[in-house]
Amino acid sequence: MITVHKAKSIIDQYLTQLNSEVILINESSKRIIYHDLKAPFPSPRFDNSAMDGFAVRSVDTIGASKEDPVSLKVIGISSAGIPSNLTLNPGECIQCMTGATIPNGADAVLMVEHTSGFSDNDSVLIFLETHPGKHIRKKGEEVQKGDPLISKGTRITPSEIGTLASFGFRKFSVVKKPQIAIFGTGDELIEPGEPIDKGQVYNSNLYIFADLVKKIGGDVTIKKVVKDNKDSLNSFLSKALKTSDVIISSGGISMGRFDYVRDVFIELGVKEHFWKVAQKPGKPLFFGTENDTLIFGLPGNPISAYIAFMEWVWPVLESMMGIPISKPITGFLTESFPREKYKYRYLFGQTWFENEKLFCKPSEKTGSHMLSSSLSANCILGSDHGENPLQPGDKININVLPWKHIR
């Protein structure tokens, strides 16, 4: 049995980033940018109007007011996509719409509300004095050509999609989705919706795993409950090892009479790096490799499996996808936390801000089979081993669940 720190350092030695693939922008939601993207041109690309109004020479508006308006000659129109090629001379202006190119000779835009309005007349009355640069979006004021636009490791959201589209990116490179096989073992497992008999339990772990894989951005390529016999396991794992970047099992790695998963892994050539970790829950935790495939054998108890996925598999997938790895934060306990004498201890919990400090408390239900303890949780609390429980006011590590929020 090895420490949590030692086990994680072993895993780190086998982490590599997945390759890239080029996809179209309309397929890119929630994908991960593979490399830094730079602006191919400045934004705005040209000086343009921020308002509907008149492009003027600001000097021509000096002293203008409603009581004493200035009259300017209207010589044309500049609209978005249809710029004017005229040049302003003293005493002239051009109707200029939002987004339109600023005509030559103009140094300001006067809002239409401060004039006698748009019309077909040859002149317009100006009711407000303006100054150079007013209501003009300057070329490159947002982004200069070559500026960093979106960093590698960024998950694409509507903000990134909109920005990429505005800079003309129709396709670009993203990290390939990790191909993940998940399986559970146990003759007692049945699927939700099926009639349940004595001694049977509903399969929940694979549904948790599948949703977590989806949340982080991977593809579940195989999802199956495998019978508790070596032939079934051998058949399943032989296929999974050929097609998967990561294999995750639930159950079958402990010391039970029918726990064959570890044996079959080894028979198929998987190199075992560790099998037991000094932690609670989840002491039986297998990690192995076969070529470039990473294999995790997680416990079968639901809470043990859930926490093990978040603490061990989730950061591995982040690393493989080039996502900045989530780091624990620290907060102050409001209730005691049960520590283990020789093991690292994890529990689901709640964390919140109060008076500009971060507080937390563990879930009331602590059994490794009590899946309902995760319902109100927004984090996983973790503490190194110790003789006595942590007390209210003590600090503790907090791993906020990525899809939850701190209130």
Protein backbone atom coordinates (compact mmCIF):
# COMPACT_ATOMS: atom_id res chain seq x y z
CA MET A 1 0.00 0.00 0.00
CA ILE A 2 1.40 3.39 -1.01
CA THR A 3 0.56 6.97 -0.07
CA VAL A 4 -1.72 9.22 -2.10
CA HIS A 5 1.22 11.49 -2.92
CA LYS A 6 3.37 8.58 -4.14
CA ALA A 7 0.52 7.13 -6.22
CA LYS A 8 -0.13 10.44 -7.96
CA SER A 9 3.56 10.91 -8.70
CA ILE A 10 3.58 7.49 -10.38
CA ILE A 11 0.58 8.37 -12.55
CA ASP A 12 2.24 11.63 -13.60
CA GLN A 13 5.05 9.65 -15.23
CA TYR A 14 2.63 8.13 -17.75
CA LEU A 15 0.63 11.19 -18.77
CA THR A 16 0.78 12.40 -22.35
CA GLN A 17 -1.42 14.85 -24.20
CA LEU A 18 -3.77 13.52 -26.84
CA ASN A 19 -3.25 14.44 -30.49
CA SER A 20 -5.25 17.06 -32.35
CA GLU A 21 -7.89 17.03 -35.03
CA VAL A 22 -9.27 19.79 -37.24
CA ILE A 23 -12.99 20.47 -36.89
CA LEU A 24 -15.50 22.98 -38.22
CA ILE A 25 -16.63 25.80 -35.98
CA ASN A 26 -20.21 24.53 -35.85
CA GLU A 27 -18.90 21.27 -34.33
CA SER A 28 -16.65 22.92 -31.76
CA SER A 29 -18.87 23.51 -28.72
CA LYS A 30 -17.21 22.29 -25.48
CA ARG A 31 -14.08 21.09 -27.32
CA ILE A 32 -10.58 22.04 -26.16
CA ILE A 33 -8.36 24.39 -28.20
CA TYR A 34 -5.17 22.51 -29.16
CA HIS A 35 -2.77 25.44 -29.59
CA ASP A 36 -2.73 29.19 -29.06
CA LEU A 37 -4.73 31.12 -31.64
CA LYS A 38 -3.67 34.63 -32.67
CA ALA A 39 -5.67 37.39 -34.30
CA PRO A 40 -5.20 37.26 -38.11
CA PHE A 41 -6.15 40.93 -38.38
CA PRO A 42 -6.91 43.86 -36.07
CA SER A 43 -10.32 44.41 -34.53
CA PRO A 44 -11.93 46.60 -35.58
CA ARG A 45 -10.39 46.16 -39.02
CA PHE A 46 -11.05 49.83 -39.83
CA ASP A 47 -12.23 53.00 -38.13
CA ASN A 48 -16.03 52.77 -37.94
CA SER A 49 -19.01 54.48 -36.43
CA ALA A 50 -20.37 53.48 -33.03
CA MET A 51 -23.65 55.29 -33.64
CA ASP A 52 -26.16 56.19 -36.31
CA GLY A 53 -25.52 59.83 -37.14
CA PHE A 54 -23.34 62.11 -39.21
CA ALA A 55 -19.61 61.91 -39.87
CA VAL A 56 -18.28 65.43 -39.40
CA ARG A 57 -15.17 67.51 -39.03
CA SER A 58 -15.36 68.36 -35.34
CA VAL A 59 -14.02 71.84 -35.99
CA ASP A 60 -17.16 72.58 -38.02
CA THR A 61 -19.38 72.00 -34.94
CA ILE A 62 -17.68 74.50 -32.62
CA GLY A 63 -20.32 76.54 -30.80
CA ALA A 64 -23.28 74.50 -32.09
CA SER A 65 -26.37 74.38 -29.86
CA LYS A 66 -30.14 74.07 -30.14
CA GLU A 67 -30.42 77.81 -29.77
CA ASP A 68 -27.69 78.46 -32.33
CA PRO A 69 -27.38 75.40 -34.63
CA VAL A 70 -24.72 74.94 -37.28
CA SER A 71 -25.82 73.98 -40.80
CA LEU A 72 -23.69 71.45 -42.70
CA LYS A 73 -24.01 70.25 -46.28
CA VAL A 74 -24.87 66.54 -46.62
CA ILE A 75 -22.83 65.06 -49.47
CA GLY A 76 -23.49 61.31 -49.14
CA ILE A 77 -24.11 58.20 -47.05
CA SER A 78 -21.70 55.64 -45.50
CA SER A 79 -23.43 52.46 -44.34
CA ALA A 80 -22.21 49.13 -42.98
CA GLY A 81 -20.73 47.20 -45.89
CA ILE A 82 -21.16 50.11 -48.32
CA PRO A 83 -18.55 52.75 -47.46
CA SER A 84 -18.49 56.22 -48.99
CA ASN A 85 -15.48 57.11 -51.13
CA LEU A 86 -16.06 60.83 -50.67
CA THR A 87 -13.77 63.16 -48.71
CA LEU A 88 -15.19 65.81 -46.41
CA ASN A 89 -14.37 69.42 -47.04
CA PRO A 90 -15.05 72.27 -44.62
CA GLY A 91 -18.76 72.68 -43.94
CA GLU A 92 -19.67 69.18 -45.17
CA CYS A 93 -20.88 65.97 -43.51
CA ILE A 94 -21.92 62.45 -44.49
CA GLN A 95 -24.74 60.36 -43.08
CA CYS A 96 -22.93 57.52 -41.25
CA MET A 97 -24.60 54.39 -39.89
CA THR A 98 -23.46 52.13 -37.04
CA GLY A 99 -20.55 49.96 -38.19
CA ALA A 100 -19.93 52.03 -41.31
CA THR A 101 -16.43 53.10 -42.36
CA ILE A 102 -15.50 56.61 -41.26
CA PRO A 103 -15.18 58.74 -44.44
CA ASN A 104 -11.95 60.50 -45.29
CA GLY A 105 -11.71 63.91 -43.70
CA ALA A 106 -14.09 63.11 -40.80
CA ASP A 107 -12.79 62.94 -37.24
CA ALA A 108 -16.03 62.47 -35.27
CA VAL A 109 -19.57 61.11 -35.47
CA LEU A 110 -22.48 63.13 -34.18
CA MET A 111 -25.50 61.12 -33.04
CA VAL A 112 -28.59 61.70 -35.15
CA GLU A 113 -30.45 62.66 -31.96
CA HIS A 114 -28.32 65.83 -31.79
CA THR A 115 -29.26 66.94 -35.30
CA SER A 116 -32.38 67.82 -37.27
CA GLY A 117 -32.42 64.16 -38.37
CA PHE A 118 -32.01 62.03 -41.46
CA SER A 119 -33.75 63.31 -44.57
CA ASP A 120 -33.29 63.79 -48.28
CA ASN A 121 -32.41 67.45 -47.76
CA ASP A 122 -29.06 68.78 -48.87
CA SER A 123 -28.26 70.07 -45.40
CA VAL A 124 -28.68 69.19 -41.72
CA LEU A 125 -28.76 71.29 -38.57
CA ILE A 126 -26.21 70.41 -35.87
CA PHE A 127 -27.32 71.05 -32.27
CA LEU A 128 -24.23 69.91 -30.32
CA GLU A 129 -20.53 70.65 -30.43
CA THR A 130 -18.42 67.51 -30.64
CA HIS A 131 -14.71 66.69 -30.40
CA PRO A 132 -12.20 64.55 -32.33
CA GLY A 133 -12.72 60.81 -31.94
CA LYS A 134 -16.26 61.02 -30.58
CA HIS A 135 -18.30 57.86 -31.36
CA ILE A 136 -15.53 56.41 -33.53
CA ARG A 137 -14.32 52.85 -32.99
CA LYS A 138 -10.63 52.99 -33.84
CA LYS A 139 -8.88 50.34 -35.91
CA GLY A 140 -7.26 47.75 -33.60
CA GLU A 141 -8.59 49.29 -30.38
CA GLU A 142 -9.90 45.87 -29.25
CA VAL A 143 -7.25 43.54 -30.66
CA GLN A 144 -4.14 44.16 -32.75
CA LYS A 145 -3.07 41.81 -35.53
CA GLY A 146 -1.00 38.99 -34.01
CA ASP A 147 -2.30 39.50 -30.48
CA PRO A 148 -3.12 36.34 -28.49
CA LEU A 149 -6.77 35.53 -29.07
CA ILE A 150 -7.57 32.20 -27.38
CA SER A 151 -5.10 30.11 -25.39
CA LYS A 152 -4.54 26.39 -25.79
CA GLY A 153 -6.40 24.34 -23.21
CA THR A 154 -9.43 26.64 -23.37
CA ARG A 155 -12.81 24.92 -23.42
CA ILE A 156 -14.92 26.38 -26.20
CA THR A 157 -18.07 28.16 -25.05
CA PRO A 158 -20.39 30.55 -26.92
CA SER A 159 -17.86 33.34 -26.17
CA GLU A 160 -15.05 31.50 -27.96
CA ILE A 161 -17.32 30.46 -30.83
CA GLY A 162 -18.44 34.04 -31.37
CA THR A 163 -14.88 35.39 -31.19
CA LEU A 164 -13.52 32.74 -33.58
CA ALA A 165 -16.32 33.42 -36.04
CA SER A 166 -15.71 37.18 -35.88
CA PHE A 167 -12.09 36.58 -36.85
CA GLY A 168 -12.99 34.30 -39.75
CA PHE A 169 -11.98 30.93 -38.27
CA ARG A 170 -14.10 28.36 -40.09
CA LYS A 171 -12.03 25.42 -38.84
CA PHE A 172 -9.23 24.95 -36.34
CA SER A 173 -7.40 22.33 -34.27
CA VAL A 174 -8.83 20.91 -31.08
CA VAL A 175 -7.69 18.12 -28.78
CA LYS A 176 -9.08 14.74 -29.77
CA LYS A 177 -11.70 13.43 -27.39
CA PRO A 178 -10.32 10.70 -25.11
CA GLN A 179 -11.83 7.33 -26.00
CA ILE A 180 -12.91 5.74 -22.74
CA ALA A 181 -14.17 2.27 -21.93
CA ILE A 182 -16.06 1.85 -18.66
CA PHE A 183 -17.24 -1.37 -17.13
CA GLY A 184 -18.55 -2.78 -13.90
CA THR A 185 -18.44 -6.28 -12.55
CA GLY A 186 -20.94 -8.14 -10.44
CA ASP A 187 -23.58 -10.78 -11.06
CA GLU A 188 -25.80 -8.82 -8.67
CA LEU A 189 -25.96 -5.72 -10.91
CA ILE A 190 -29.09 -5.01 -12.94
CA GLU A 191 -30.08 -2.02 -15.03
CA PRO A 192 -32.41 0.75 -13.82
CA GLY A 193 -36.00 -0.01 -14.77
CA GLU A 194 -35.65 -3.77 -14.48
CA PRO A 195 -37.55 -5.64 -11.73
CA ILE A 196 -35.25 -6.07 -8.74
CA ASP A 197 -34.92 -9.36 -6.89
CA LYS A 198 -33.43 -10.37 -3.57
CA GLY A 199 -29.66 -9.79 -3.44
CA GLN A 200 -29.64 -7.55 -6.51
CA VAL A 201 -28.69 -3.87 -6.77
CA TYR A 202 -29.17 -1.36 -9.52
CA ASN A 203 -26.11 -0.40 -11.53
CA SER A 204 -25.40 3.25 -10.65
CA ASN A 205 -21.63 3.55 -11.00
CA LEU A 206 -21.48 3.25 -14.77
CA TYR A 207 -24.11 5.95 -15.13
CA ILE A 208 -22.03 8.20 -12.87
CA PHE A 209 -18.88 7.43 -14.85
CA ALA A 210 -20.58 8.00 -18.20
CA ASP A 211 -21.91 11.39 -17.14
CA LEU A 212 -18.53 12.44 -15.72
CA VAL A 213 -16.82 11.43 -18.97
CA LYS A 214 -19.37 13.49 -20.91
CA LYS A 215 -18.91 16.46 -18.58
CA ILE A 216 -15.15 16.59 -19.10
CA GLY A 217 -15.48 16.13 -22.86
CA GLY A 218 -14.62 12.49 -23.53
CA ASP A 219 -16.38 9.77 -25.49
CA VAL A 220 -17.60 6.59 -23.83
CA THR A 221 -16.83 3.98 -26.47
CA ILE A 222 -17.81 0.92 -24.42
CA LYS A 223 -20.10 0.76 -21.37
CA LYS A 224 -20.95 -2.64 -19.99
CA VAL A 225 -21.60 -4.70 -16.90
CA VAL A 226 -19.39 -7.78 -17.16
CA LYS A 227 -20.13 -11.06 -15.40
CA ASP A 228 -17.93 -12.17 -12.52
CA ASN A 229 -15.88 -14.69 -14.47
CA LYS A 230 -12.50 -14.54 -16.16
CA ASP A 231 -13.69 -15.48 -19.64
CA SER A 232 -16.17 -12.61 -19.78
CA LEU A 233 -13.60 -10.17 -18.45
CA ASN A 234 -10.93 -11.40 -20.84
CA SER A 235 -13.19 -10.98 -23.84
CA PHE A 236 -14.25 -7.48 -22.85
CA LEU A 237 -10.82 -6.20 -21.88
CA SER A 238 -9.08 -7.64 -24.95
CA LYS A 239 -11.27 -5.41 -27.11
CA ALA A 240 -11.10 -2.38 -24.81
CA LEU A 241 -7.30 -2.41 -24.71
CA LYS A 242 -7.18 -2.13 -28.51
CA THR A 243 -9.61 0.78 -28.82
CA SER A 244 -9.34 2.92 -25.69
CA ASP A 245 -7.16 5.70 -24.36
CA VAL A 246 -8.43 5.02 -20.83
CA ILE A 247 -10.18 2.02 -19.28
CA ILE A 248 -12.08 2.49 -16.02
CA SER A 249 -13.53 -0.37 -14.03
CA SER A 250 -15.90 -0.35 -11.10
CA GLY A 251 -15.45 -3.20 -8.65
CA GLY A 252 -13.67 -6.53 -8.90
CA ILE A 253 -10.26 -5.33 -7.69
CA SER A 254 -10.46 -6.09 -3.99
CA MET A 255 -9.82 -9.37 -2.17
CA GLY A 256 -13.17 -11.03 -2.77
CA ARG A 257 -13.40 -14.60 -4.05
CA PHE A 258 -14.81 -13.41 -7.38
CA ASP A 259 -12.69 -10.27 -7.79
CA TYR A 260 -10.90 -11.19 -11.02
CA VAL A 261 -10.32 -7.81 -12.67
CA ARG A 262 -6.74 -7.31 -11.49
CA ASP A 263 -5.78 -10.87 -12.44
CA VAL A 264 -7.17 -10.51 -15.95
CA PHE A 265 -5.48 -7.15 -16.46
CA ILE A 266 -2.14 -8.71 -15.66
CA GLU A 267 -2.81 -11.80 -17.81
CA LEU A 268 -3.47 -9.50 -20.77
CA GLY A 269 -0.11 -7.78 -20.39
CA VAL A 270 -1.12 -4.73 -18.39
CA LYS A 271 1.77 -3.43 -16.32
CA GLU A 272 0.62 -2.86 -12.75
CA HIS A 273 2.04 0.26 -11.11
CA PHE A 274 0.06 0.08 -7.89
CA TRP A 275 -2.96 -1.70 -6.48
CA LYS A 276 -3.64 -0.29 -3.02
CA VAL A 277 -3.50 3.31 -1.81
CA ALA A 278 -3.58 4.56 1.77
CA GLN A 279 -6.89 6.39 1.47
CA LYS A 280 -10.46 6.11 2.65
CA PRO A 281 -12.69 5.45 0.86
CA GLY A 282 -11.08 3.51 -1.96
CA LYS A 283 -8.07 1.60 -0.61
CA PRO A 284 -8.29 -0.90 -3.48
CA LEU A 285 -7.25 1.31 -6.41
CA PHE A 286 -5.51 -0.19 -9.41
CA PHE A 287 -3.41 1.76 -11.90
CA GLY A 288 -1.69 0.14 -14.83
CA THR A 289 -0.63 0.78 -18.42
CA GLU A 290 -0.57 -1.19 -21.64
CA ASN A 291 1.22 0.66 -24.43
CA ASP A 292 -0.47 4.10 -24.39
CA THR A 293 -3.64 2.97 -22.63
CA LEU A 294 -4.15 3.97 -19.00
CA ILE A 295 -6.12 1.56 -16.82
CA PHE A 296 -7.88 2.47 -13.58
CA GLY A 297 -9.54 -0.10 -11.38
CA LEU A 298 -11.86 1.76 -9.02
CA PRO A 299 -13.81 0.40 -6.05
CA GLY A 300 -17.36 -0.90 -6.39
CA ASN A 301 -19.04 1.00 -3.57
CA PRO A 302 -20.79 4.01 -5.14
CA ILE A 303 -19.26 6.79 -3.02
CA SER A 304 -15.81 5.18 -3.22
CA ALA A 305 -16.11 4.94 -7.00
CA TYR A 306 -17.45 8.50 -7.41
CA ILE A 307 -14.76 10.10 -5.24
CA ALA A 308 -12.03 7.95 -6.81
CA PHE A 309 -13.07 9.10 -10.29
CA MET A 310 -12.96 12.76 -9.27
CA GLU A 311 -9.69 12.55 -7.34
CA TRP A 312 -7.79 10.20 -9.67
CA VAL A 313 -9.34 9.95 -13.13
CA TRP A 314 -10.66 13.48 -13.64
CA PRO A 315 -7.25 15.21 -13.27
CA VAL A 316 -5.71 12.60 -15.60
CA LEU A 317 -8.29 13.40 -18.28
CA GLU A 318 -7.66 17.12 -17.77
CA SER A 319 -3.95 16.55 -18.35
CA MET A 320 -4.52 14.36 -21.43
CA MET A 321 -6.78 17.04 -22.93
CA GLY A 322 -4.44 19.92 -22.15
CA ILE A 323 -6.86 21.49 -19.68
CA PRO A 324 -5.29 23.30 -16.70
CA ILE A 325 -5.51 20.78 -13.88
CA SER A 326 -7.91 21.72 -11.08
CA LYS A 327 -6.14 22.49 -7.82
CA PRO A 328 -7.61 22.08 -4.33
CA ILE A 329 -8.27 25.18 -2.29
CA THR A 330 -8.38 25.50 1.49
CA GLY A 331 -11.19 26.51 3.79
CA PHE A 332 -12.20 26.46 7.43
CA LEU A 333 -14.28 23.66 8.91
CA THR A 334 -17.47 24.49 10.79
CA GLU A 335 -17.87 20.89 11.98
CA SER A 336 -15.43 18.15 12.92
CA PHE A 337 -13.89 15.99 10.19
CA PRO A 338 -13.02 12.33 10.90
CA ARG A 339 -9.38 11.61 10.06
CA GLU A 340 -7.71 8.23 9.66
CA LYS A 341 -4.61 7.22 11.58
CA TYR A 342 -2.71 6.02 8.52
CA LYS A 343 -4.83 7.00 5.50
CA TYR A 344 -5.78 10.09 3.58
CA ARG A 345 -9.49 10.77 4.15
CA TYR A 346 -12.05 12.00 1.63
CA LEU A 347 -15.68 12.96 2.17
CA PHE A 348 -18.26 14.78 0.12
CA GLY A 349 -19.08 18.15 1.62
CA GLN A 350 -20.45 21.63 1.28
CA THR A 351 -18.45 24.84 0.98
CA TRP A 352 -19.58 28.46 0.99
CA PHE A 353 -18.37 32.01 1.48
CA GLU A 354 -19.24 33.91 4.63
CA ASN A 355 -17.74 37.26 5.68
CA GLU A 356 -15.17 36.93 2.87
CA LYS A 357 -13.92 33.58 4.22
CA LEU A 358 -14.39 30.11 2.78
CA PHE A 359 -16.08 27.65 5.11
CA CYS A 360 -17.00 23.99 4.70
CA LYS A 361 -18.44 20.96 6.40
CA PRO A 362 -18.54 17.23 5.55
CA SER A 363 -21.71 15.43 4.53
CA GLU A 364 -23.59 13.88 7.43
CA LYS A 365 -23.67 10.44 5.77
CA THR A 366 -20.18 8.96 5.63
CA GLY A 367 -20.72 5.36 4.49
CA SER A 368 -19.05 4.41 1.21
CA HIS A 369 -22.37 2.95 0.02
CA MET A 370 -24.43 6.08 0.82
CA LEU A 371 -24.66 7.70 -2.61
CA SER A 372 -27.28 10.18 -1.43
CA SER A 373 -24.53 11.97 0.51
CA SER A 374 -23.45 13.47 -2.83
CA LEU A 375 -26.81 15.11 -3.54
CA SER A 376 -26.27 18.28 -1.52
CA ALA A 377 -22.49 18.32 -1.96
CA ASN A 378 -20.61 20.87 -4.04
CA CYS A 379 -17.13 19.64 -3.14
CA ILE A 380 -14.94 16.83 -1.88
CA LEU A 381 -13.06 17.48 1.36
CA GLY A 382 -9.68 15.85 1.91
CA SER A 383 -7.33 15.56 4.86
CA ASP A 384 -4.01 13.89 5.44
CA HIS A 385 -3.82 11.19 8.11
CA GLY A 386 -3.80 12.07 11.79
CA GLU A 387 -4.49 10.75 15.25
CA ASN A 388 -7.54 12.88 15.99
CA PRO A 389 -10.41 14.44 14.05
CA LEU A 390 -10.00 17.93 12.64
CA GLN A 391 -12.02 20.43 14.65
CA PRO A 392 -14.16 23.44 13.72
CA GLY A 393 -11.82 26.25 12.71
CA ASP A 394 -9.17 23.89 11.32
CA LYS A 395 -8.16 24.21 7.67
CA ILE A 396 -8.87 21.46 5.15
CA ASN A 397 -8.40 20.85 1.42
CA ILE A 398 -11.44 21.48 -0.77
CA ASN A 399 -11.88 20.11 -4.27
CA VAL A 400 -14.86 21.96 -5.73
CA LEU A 401 -16.90 19.81 -8.12
CA PRO A 402 -16.42 21.47 -11.55
CA TRP A 403 -20.13 21.67 -12.36
CA LYS A 404 -21.05 23.11 -8.96
CA HIS A 405 -20.76 26.64 -7.57
CA ILE A 406 -19.68 28.13 -4.26
CA ARG A 407 -22.53 30.20 -2.94
